[in-house]
Amino acid sequence: MGTAFEWPWQYNFPPFFTIQPVVKTKEQQLLSWRTLICDYHKAKCVWEIDMSGDLFKNSKISRQLSAAAIRIVLQNLVEEGQGVMNGDRCYVLWNSVAQWGSLIHNWAVDRGLTGTVLTLFEIQSGDDTESEPFHTMDIWLLQHVISCLEKEGKAELMMGDSADFSDAGVKFF
């Protein structure tokens, strides 16, 4: 479900890989990093950021973000609602949690699945979701989105005994 991805011009600009000290410049730089991270992960249909992957280093210009700079970028991503941390893992949200919740809830309603118990696995990997943008969503992130729907009274999350959510289910209202 991934699409073609083109690196933005900033990715080949060496100062992009050093957090800038001037506030306005830094704000623009962090916006550019957020856009790059979301566009990259959406195009590749990858939900979790690989902190040691190609995204934060450009061998063509011999530049990479330092570990401290990566932390600043990820903190900004989370602060702006485009990322969610789970321990030392960071998940990318190219849609907000509320938008993902609406997409998933609307999918269930449109298919007449309200009142029916579905497993998180069915939503994440089922045949009925293959054409949906949330198909393959990381299971922890899916559980996070559905727990937000639960707070809105649109779903009931049923947690099983498994730490990996393999036995978790949801009922939509």
C-alpha atoms as a PDB file:
ATOM      1  CA  MET A   1       0.000   0.000   0.000  1.00  0.00           C
ATOM      2  CA  GLY A   2       3.070   2.239   0.007  1.00  0.00           C
ATOM      3  CA  THR A   3       3.578   4.970  -2.572  1.00  0.00           C
ATOM      4  CA  ALA A   4       6.578   6.524  -4.269  1.00  0.00           C
ATOM      5  CA  PHE A   5       8.700   8.726  -2.055  1.00  0.00           C
ATOM      6  CA  GLU A   6      10.929  11.624  -3.028  1.00  0.00           C
ATOM      7  CA  TRP A   7      13.440  13.071  -0.597  1.00  0.00           C
ATOM      8  CA  PRO A   8      12.867  16.804  -0.039  1.00  0.00           C
ATOM      9  CA  TRP A   9      15.575  19.269  -1.017  1.00  0.00           C
ATOM     10  CA  GLN A  10      16.459  19.852   2.655  1.00  0.00           C
ATOM     11  CA  TYR A  11      17.653  16.271   2.941  1.00  0.00           C
ATOM     12  CA  ASN A  12      20.637  17.159   0.747  1.00  0.00           C
ATOM     13  CA  PHE A  13      21.349  20.398   2.627  1.00  0.00           C
ATOM     14  CA  PRO A  14      24.059  19.728   5.258  1.00  0.00           C
ATOM     15  CA  PRO A  15      22.733  22.166   7.937  1.00  0.00           C
ATOM     16  CA  PHE A  16      19.473  20.194   7.990  1.00  0.00           C
ATOM     17  CA  PHE A  17      21.329  17.560  10.019  1.00  0.00           C
ATOM     18  CA  THR A  18      22.347  19.988  12.777  1.00  0.00           C
ATOM     19  CA  ILE A  19      19.686  21.470  15.065  1.00  0.00           C
ATOM     20  CA  GLN A  20      19.774  25.197  14.384  1.00  0.00           C
ATOM     21  CA  PRO A  21      20.278  27.659  17.266  1.00  0.00           C
ATOM     22  CA  VAL A  22      18.110  30.506  15.903  1.00  0.00           C
ATOM     23  CA  VAL A  23      14.537  29.945  17.129  1.00  0.00           C
ATOM     24  CA  LYS A  24      12.707  30.770  13.860  1.00  0.00           C
ATOM     25  CA  THR A  25      15.130  28.671  11.831  1.00  0.00           C
ATOM     26  CA  LYS A  26      14.840  25.790  14.304  1.00  0.00           C
ATOM     27  CA  GLU A  27      11.035  25.920  14.163  1.00  0.00           C
ATOM     28  CA  GLN A  28      11.119  25.686  10.360  1.00  0.00           C
ATOM     29  CA  GLN A  29      13.713  22.914  10.532  1.00  0.00           C
ATOM     30  CA  LEU A  30      11.576  20.881  12.958  1.00  0.00           C
ATOM     31  CA  LEU A  31       8.525  21.402  10.738  1.00  0.00           C
ATOM     32  CA  SER A  32      10.573  20.101   7.798  1.00  0.00           C
ATOM     33  CA  TRP A  33      11.659  17.058   9.826  1.00  0.00           C
ATOM     34  CA  ARG A  34       8.043  16.341  10.861  1.00  0.00           C
ATOM     35  CA  THR A  35       6.910  16.576   7.257  1.00  0.00           C
ATOM     36  CA  LEU A  36       9.752  14.345   6.085  1.00  0.00           C
ATOM     37  CA  ILE A  37       9.082  11.736   8.778  1.00  0.00           C
ATOM     38  CA  CYS A  38       5.334  11.602   8.098  1.00  0.00           C
ATOM     39  CA  ASP A  39       5.692  11.583   4.302  1.00  0.00           C
ATOM     40  CA  TYR A  40       8.418   8.926   4.415  1.00  0.00           C
ATOM     41  CA  HIS A  41       6.498   6.591   6.732  1.00  0.00           C
ATOM     42  CA  LYS A  42       3.205   7.076   4.877  1.00  0.00           C
ATOM     43  CA  ALA A  43       4.867   6.324   1.530  1.00  0.00           C
ATOM     44  CA  LYS A  44       6.545   3.204   2.925  1.00  0.00           C
ATOM     45  CA  CYS A  45       3.490   2.257   5.044  1.00  0.00           C
ATOM     46  CA  VAL A  46       5.725   1.906   8.091  1.00  0.00           C
ATOM     47  CA  TRP A  47       4.401   2.871  11.501  1.00  0.00           C
ATOM     48  CA  GLU A  48       7.451   2.760  13.759  1.00  0.00           C
ATOM     49  CA  ILE A  49      10.492   4.997  13.374  1.00  0.00           C
ATOM     50  CA  ASP A  50      13.778   3.160  12.891  1.00  0.00           C
ATOM     51  CA  MET A  51      16.135   5.452  14.782  1.00  0.00           C
ATOM     52  CA  SER A  52      19.186   3.889  13.175  1.00  0.00           C
ATOM     53  CA  GLY A  53      17.770   3.780   9.645  1.00  0.00           C
ATOM     54  CA  ASP A  54      18.387   5.855   6.535  1.00  0.00           C
ATOM     55  CA  LEU A  55      15.957   8.563   7.555  1.00  0.00           C
ATOM     56  CA  PHE A  56      18.339  10.293   9.941  1.00  0.00           C
ATOM     57  CA  LYS A  57      21.503   9.879   7.889  1.00  0.00           C
ATOM     58  CA  ASN A  58      22.400  10.886   4.373  1.00  0.00           C
ATOM     59  CA  SER A  59      25.535   9.079   3.231  1.00  0.00           C
ATOM     60  CA  LYS A  60      25.481  11.022  -0.051  1.00  0.00           C
ATOM     61  CA  ILE A  61      26.485  14.183   1.830  1.00  0.00           C
ATOM     62  CA  SER A  62      28.136  12.399   4.798  1.00  0.00           C
ATOM     63  CA  ARG A  63      25.685  13.835   7.336  1.00  0.00           C
ATOM     64  CA  GLN A  64      23.502  12.392  10.074  1.00  0.00           C
ATOM     65  CA  LEU A  65      21.521  13.656  13.027  1.00  0.00           C
ATOM     66  CA  SER A  66      23.136  13.049  16.385  1.00  0.00           C
ATOM     67  CA  ALA A  67      21.296  10.982  18.997  1.00  0.00           C
ATOM     68  CA  ALA A  68      20.509  14.196  20.897  1.00  0.00           C
ATOM     69  CA  ALA A  69      19.140  15.821  17.745  1.00  0.00           C
ATOM     70  CA  ILE A  70      16.988  12.769  17.001  1.00  0.00           C
ATOM     71  CA  ARG A  71      15.520  13.064  20.511  1.00  0.00           C
ATOM     72  CA  ILE A  72      14.700  16.753  19.848  1.00  0.00           C
ATOM     73  CA  VAL A  73      13.037  15.895  16.513  1.00  0.00           C
ATOM     74  CA  LEU A  74      11.000  13.041  18.043  1.00  0.00           C
ATOM     75  CA  GLN A  75       9.987  15.140  21.050  1.00  0.00           C
ATOM     76  CA  ASN A  76       8.726  17.806  18.648  1.00  0.00           C
ATOM     77  CA  LEU A  77       6.905  15.179  16.579  1.00  0.00           C
ATOM     78  CA  VAL A  78       5.079  13.977  19.696  1.00  0.00           C
ATOM     79  CA  GLU A  79       4.381  17.525  20.957  1.00  0.00           C
ATOM     80  CA  GLU A  80       2.790  18.391  17.616  1.00  0.00           C
ATOM     81  CA  GLY A  81       0.563  15.282  17.705  1.00  0.00           C
ATOM     82  CA  GLN A  82       2.308  13.510  14.852  1.00  0.00           C
ATOM     83  CA  GLY A  83       3.992  10.867  16.969  1.00  0.00           C
ATOM     84  CA  VAL A  84       3.264   8.655  19.967  1.00  0.00           C
ATOM     85  CA  MET A  85       5.895   7.221  22.266  1.00  0.00           C
ATOM     86  CA  ASN A  86       5.654   3.748  23.772  1.00  0.00           C
ATOM     87  CA  GLY A  87       8.723   3.333  25.941  1.00  0.00           C
ATOM     88  CA  ASP A  88      11.689   3.890  23.643  1.00  0.00           C
ATOM     89  CA  ARG A  89       9.622   3.342  20.478  1.00  0.00           C
ATOM     90  CA  CYS A  90       8.130   6.178  18.476  1.00  0.00           C
ATOM     91  CA  TYR A  91       5.153   5.639  16.190  1.00  0.00           C
ATOM     92  CA  VAL A  92       4.349   8.028  13.364  1.00  0.00           C
ATOM     93  CA  LEU A  93       0.912   9.534  12.871  1.00  0.00           C
ATOM     94  CA  TRP A  94       0.468  10.992   9.407  1.00  0.00           C
ATOM     95  CA  ASN A  95      -3.134  11.411  10.551  1.00  0.00           C
ATOM     96  CA  SER A  96      -4.010  12.459  14.095  1.00  0.00           C
ATOM     97  CA  VAL A  97      -5.192   9.872  16.624  1.00  0.00           C
ATOM     98  CA  ALA A  98      -8.702  11.349  16.285  1.00  0.00           C
ATOM     99  CA  GLN A  99      -8.568  11.059  12.471  1.00  0.00           C
ATOM    100  CA  TRP A 100      -7.416   7.428  12.677  1.00  0.00           C
ATOM    101  CA  GLY A 101     -10.190   6.761  15.176  1.00  0.00           C
ATOM    102  CA  SER A 102     -12.774   8.268  12.839  1.00  0.00           C
ATOM    103  CA  LEU A 103     -11.480   6.246   9.877  1.00  0.00           C
ATOM    104  CA  ILE A 104     -11.649   3.000  11.838  1.00  0.00           C
ATOM    105  CA  HIS A 105     -15.023   3.767  13.427  1.00  0.00           C
ATOM    106  CA  ASN A 106     -16.537   4.821  10.080  1.00  0.00           C
ATOM    107  CA  TRP A 107     -15.218   1.629   8.493  1.00  0.00           C
ATOM    108  CA  ALA A 108     -16.959  -0.451  11.176  1.00  0.00           C
ATOM    109  CA  VAL A 109     -20.219   1.508  10.924  1.00  0.00           C
ATOM    110  CA  ASP A 110     -20.235   1.424   7.098  1.00  0.00           C
ATOM    111  CA  ARG A 111     -19.899  -2.364   7.170  1.00  0.00           C
ATOM    112  CA  GLY A 112     -22.596  -2.876   9.767  1.00  0.00           C
ATOM    113  CA  LEU A 113     -20.120  -4.105  12.370  1.00  0.00           C
ATOM    114  CA  THR A 114     -21.461  -2.100  15.316  1.00  0.00           C
ATOM    115  CA  GLY A 115     -22.308  -4.394  18.184  1.00  0.00           C
ATOM    116  CA  THR A 116     -20.005  -7.077  16.770  1.00  0.00           C
ATOM    117  CA  VAL A 117     -16.790  -8.093  18.533  1.00  0.00           C
ATOM    118  CA  LEU A 118     -13.723  -7.963  16.286  1.00  0.00           C
ATOM    119  CA  THR A 119     -10.172  -8.810  17.186  1.00  0.00           C
ATOM    120  CA  LEU A 120      -7.508  -6.153  16.749  1.00  0.00           C
ATOM    121  CA  PHE A 121      -5.798  -8.611  14.426  1.00  0.00           C
ATOM    122  CA  GLU A 122      -8.868  -8.628  12.131  1.00  0.00           C
ATOM    123  CA  ILE A 123      -8.733  -4.843  11.907  1.00  0.00           C
ATOM    124  CA  GLN A 124      -4.978  -4.749  11.450  1.00  0.00           C
ATOM    125  CA  SER A 125      -4.526  -7.655   9.051  1.00  0.00           C
ATOM    126  CA  GLY A 126      -7.921  -8.912   7.942  1.00  0.00           C
ATOM    127  CA  ASP A 127      -9.054  -9.323   4.353  1.00  0.00           C
ATOM    128  CA  ASP A 128     -11.810  -6.747   4.939  1.00  0.00           C
ATOM    129  CA  THR A 129      -9.275  -4.007   5.688  1.00  0.00           C
ATOM    130  CA  GLU A 130      -6.747  -4.595   2.898  1.00  0.00           C
ATOM    131  CA  SER A 131      -7.805  -1.441   1.059  1.00  0.00           C
ATOM    132  CA  GLU A 132      -7.993   0.678   4.217  1.00  0.00           C
ATOM    133  CA  PRO A 133      -5.232   3.104   5.244  1.00  0.00           C
ATOM    134  CA  PHE A 134      -5.082   1.561   8.732  1.00  0.00           C
ATOM    135  CA  HIS A 135      -4.378  -1.938   7.363  1.00  0.00           C
ATOM    136  CA  THR A 136      -1.010  -3.077   8.852  1.00  0.00           C
ATOM    137  CA  MET A 137      -1.131  -0.407  11.589  1.00  0.00           C
ATOM    138  CA  ASP A 138       1.121  -1.455  14.434  1.00  0.00           C
ATOM    139  CA  ILE A 139      -0.998  -3.391  16.946  1.00  0.00           C
ATOM    140  CA  TRP A 140       0.071  -1.215  19.903  1.00  0.00           C
ATOM    141  CA  LEU A 141      -0.820   1.931  17.962  1.00  0.00           C
ATOM    142  CA  LEU A 142      -4.162   0.410  16.909  1.00  0.00           C
ATOM    143  CA  GLN A 143      -4.935  -0.356  20.547  1.00  0.00           C
ATOM    144  CA  HIS A 144      -3.997   3.255  21.434  1.00  0.00           C
ATOM    145  CA  VAL A 145      -6.362   4.652  18.773  1.00  0.00           C
ATOM    146  CA  ILE A 146      -9.202   2.365  19.856  1.00  0.00           C
ATOM    147  CA  SER A 147      -8.707   3.303  23.512  1.00  0.00           C
ATOM    148  CA  CYS A 148      -9.314   6.909  22.438  1.00  0.00           C
ATOM    149  CA  LEU A 149     -12.530   5.792  20.696  1.00  0.00           C
ATOM    150  CA  GLU A 150     -13.481   4.072  23.950  1.00  0.00           C
ATOM    151  CA  LYS A 151     -13.120   7.370  25.826  1.00  0.00           C
ATOM    152  CA  GLU A 152     -15.505   8.940  23.291  1.00  0.00           C
ATOM    153  CA  GLY A 153     -18.062   6.151  23.885  1.00  0.00           C
ATOM    154  CA  LYS A 154     -17.699   4.839  20.327  1.00  0.00           C
ATOM    155  CA  ALA A 155     -16.065   1.523  21.187  1.00  0.00           C
ATOM    156  CA  GLU A 156     -15.340  -0.902  23.976  1.00  0.00           C
ATOM    157  CA  LEU A 157     -11.823  -2.292  24.090  1.00  0.00           C
ATOM    158  CA  MET A 158     -11.630  -5.809  25.493  1.00  0.00           C
ATOM    159  CA  MET A 159      -8.136  -6.623  26.651  1.00  0.00           C
ATOM    160  CA  GLY A 160      -7.078 -10.214  26.971  1.00  0.00           C
ATOM    161  CA  ASP A 161      -4.219 -11.650  28.971  1.00  0.00           C
ATOM    162  CA  SER A 162      -1.585 -11.282  26.270  1.00  0.00           C
ATOM    163  CA  ALA A 163       0.905  -8.424  26.461  1.00  0.00           C
ATOM    164  CA  ASP A 164       1.123  -8.337  22.648  1.00  0.00           C
ATOM    165  CA  PHE A 165      -2.646  -7.650  22.247  1.00  0.00           C
ATOM    166  CA  SER A 166      -3.045 -10.879  20.229  1.00  0.00           C
ATOM    167  CA  ASP A 167      -6.207 -11.711  22.168  1.00  0.00           C
ATOM    168  CA  ALA A 168      -7.625  -8.175  22.410  1.00  0.00           C
ATOM    169  CA  GLY A 169     -10.950  -7.327  20.868  1.00  0.00           C
ATOM    170  CA  VAL A 170     -13.194  -4.350  20.265  1.00  0.00           C
ATOM    171  CA  LYS A 171     -16.901  -3.725  19.982  1.00  0.00           C
ATOM    172  CA  PHE A 172     -17.951  -0.590  18.104  1.00  0.00           C
ATOM    173  CA  PHE A 173     -21.046   1.470  18.955  1.00  0.00           C
END
